[in-house]
Protein backbone atom coordinates (compact mmCIF):
# COMPACT_ATOMS: atom_id res chain seq x y z
CA UNK A 1 -71.40 -15.60 -64.92
CA UNK A 2 -69.12 -14.48 -62.09
CA UNK A 3 -65.60 -13.06 -63.12
CA UNK A 4 -62.60 -13.60 -60.92
CA UNK A 5 -59.65 -11.36 -60.43
CA UNK A 6 -56.57 -12.32 -62.41
CA UNK A 7 -53.05 -11.60 -60.85
CA UNK A 8 -50.72 -9.80 -63.15
CA UNK A 9 -48.18 -12.23 -61.97
CA UNK A 10 -50.11 -14.80 -63.78
CA UNK A 11 -51.39 -13.07 -66.84
CA UNK A 12 -51.77 -9.54 -68.43
CA UNK A 13 -54.74 -8.31 -70.52
CA UNK A 14 -54.68 -9.65 -74.10
CA UNK A 15 -53.51 -6.95 -76.78
CA UNK A 16 -56.53 -5.16 -78.05
CA UNK A 17 -58.43 -5.36 -74.72
CA UNK A 18 -59.26 -1.57 -74.38
CA UNK A 19 -60.27 -1.51 -70.78
CA UNK A 20 -60.34 -3.56 -67.65
CA UNK A 21 -61.19 -3.23 -63.87
CA UNK A 22 -57.93 -3.00 -62.16
CA UNK A 23 -56.90 -3.04 -58.39
CA UNK A 24 -54.54 0.02 -58.43
CA UNK A 25 -52.13 1.00 -55.86
CA UNK A 26 -50.25 4.18 -56.17
CA UNK A 27 -49.56 7.94 -54.91
CA UNK A 28 -50.74 11.26 -56.11
CA UNK A 29 -49.07 14.42 -55.30
CA UNK A 30 -50.48 15.99 -52.29
CA UNK A 31 -52.63 13.09 -51.42
CA UNK A 32 -51.79 10.11 -49.26
CA UNK A 33 -51.14 6.89 -50.84
CA UNK A 34 -54.29 5.48 -52.59
CA UNK A 35 -55.74 1.94 -53.32
CA UNK A 36 -58.67 1.71 -55.57
CA UNK A 37 -60.51 -0.38 -58.08
CA UNK A 38 -60.97 1.57 -61.34
CA UNK A 39 -60.98 1.28 -65.09
CA UNK A 40 -57.49 0.92 -66.57
CA UNK A 41 -55.68 -0.27 -69.74
CA UNK A 42 -52.40 -1.81 -70.17
CA UNK A 43 -49.83 -1.52 -73.17
CA UNK A 44 -46.55 -2.84 -73.77
CA UNK A 45 -45.24 0.59 -74.58
CA UNK A 46 -46.75 2.57 -71.65
CA UNK A 47 -47.62 -0.09 -68.97
CA UNK A 48 -50.65 0.45 -66.91
CA UNK A 49 -52.82 3.75 -67.45
CA UNK A 50 -55.63 4.54 -64.88
CA UNK A 51 -58.54 5.99 -67.03
CA UNK A 52 -59.64 8.42 -64.18
CA UNK A 53 -56.02 9.69 -63.65
CA UNK A 54 -53.86 9.13 -66.74
CA UNK A 55 -51.22 11.55 -65.73
CA UNK A 56 -50.39 9.02 -62.87
CA UNK A 57 -47.26 7.28 -63.91
CA UNK A 58 -46.29 5.54 -60.58
CA UNK A 59 -49.33 3.12 -60.03
CA UNK A 60 -48.94 -0.43 -59.30
CA UNK A 61 -51.70 -2.98 -60.44
CA UNK A 62 -51.96 -6.25 -58.71
CA UNK A 63 -54.99 -7.71 -60.13
CA UNK A 64 -57.45 -7.08 -63.25
CA UNK A 65 -60.55 -8.59 -64.80
CA UNK A 66 -62.50 -7.91 -68.05
CA UNK A 67 -65.35 -5.45 -67.90
CA UNK A 68 -68.51 -7.23 -67.54
CA UNK A 69 -71.08 -7.11 -70.43
CA UNK A 70 -73.53 -4.18 -70.15
CA UNK A 71 -77.08 -5.32 -69.11
CA UNK A 72 -79.76 -6.01 -71.59
CA UNK A 73 -82.15 -3.20 -71.88
CA UNK A 74 -85.73 -4.00 -70.36
CA UNK A 75 -88.30 -4.30 -73.22
CA UNK A 76 -91.63 -2.96 -72.19
């Protein structure tokens, strides 16, 4: 099943959705502006939190999608 990116203008992740893939734009001190796809979460209290850089509080997320299901293990 192919998943599509969801614009944050259209919908935010549902409450209880732990992690999603997110298109992130932001700035990290000492580094040029960055854009990336990474794992993030969204809460009504804190907004978006990037998993790899939770200390960043000046990120902008434009799109997100649920994480895919892990692959089934091959049985040998």
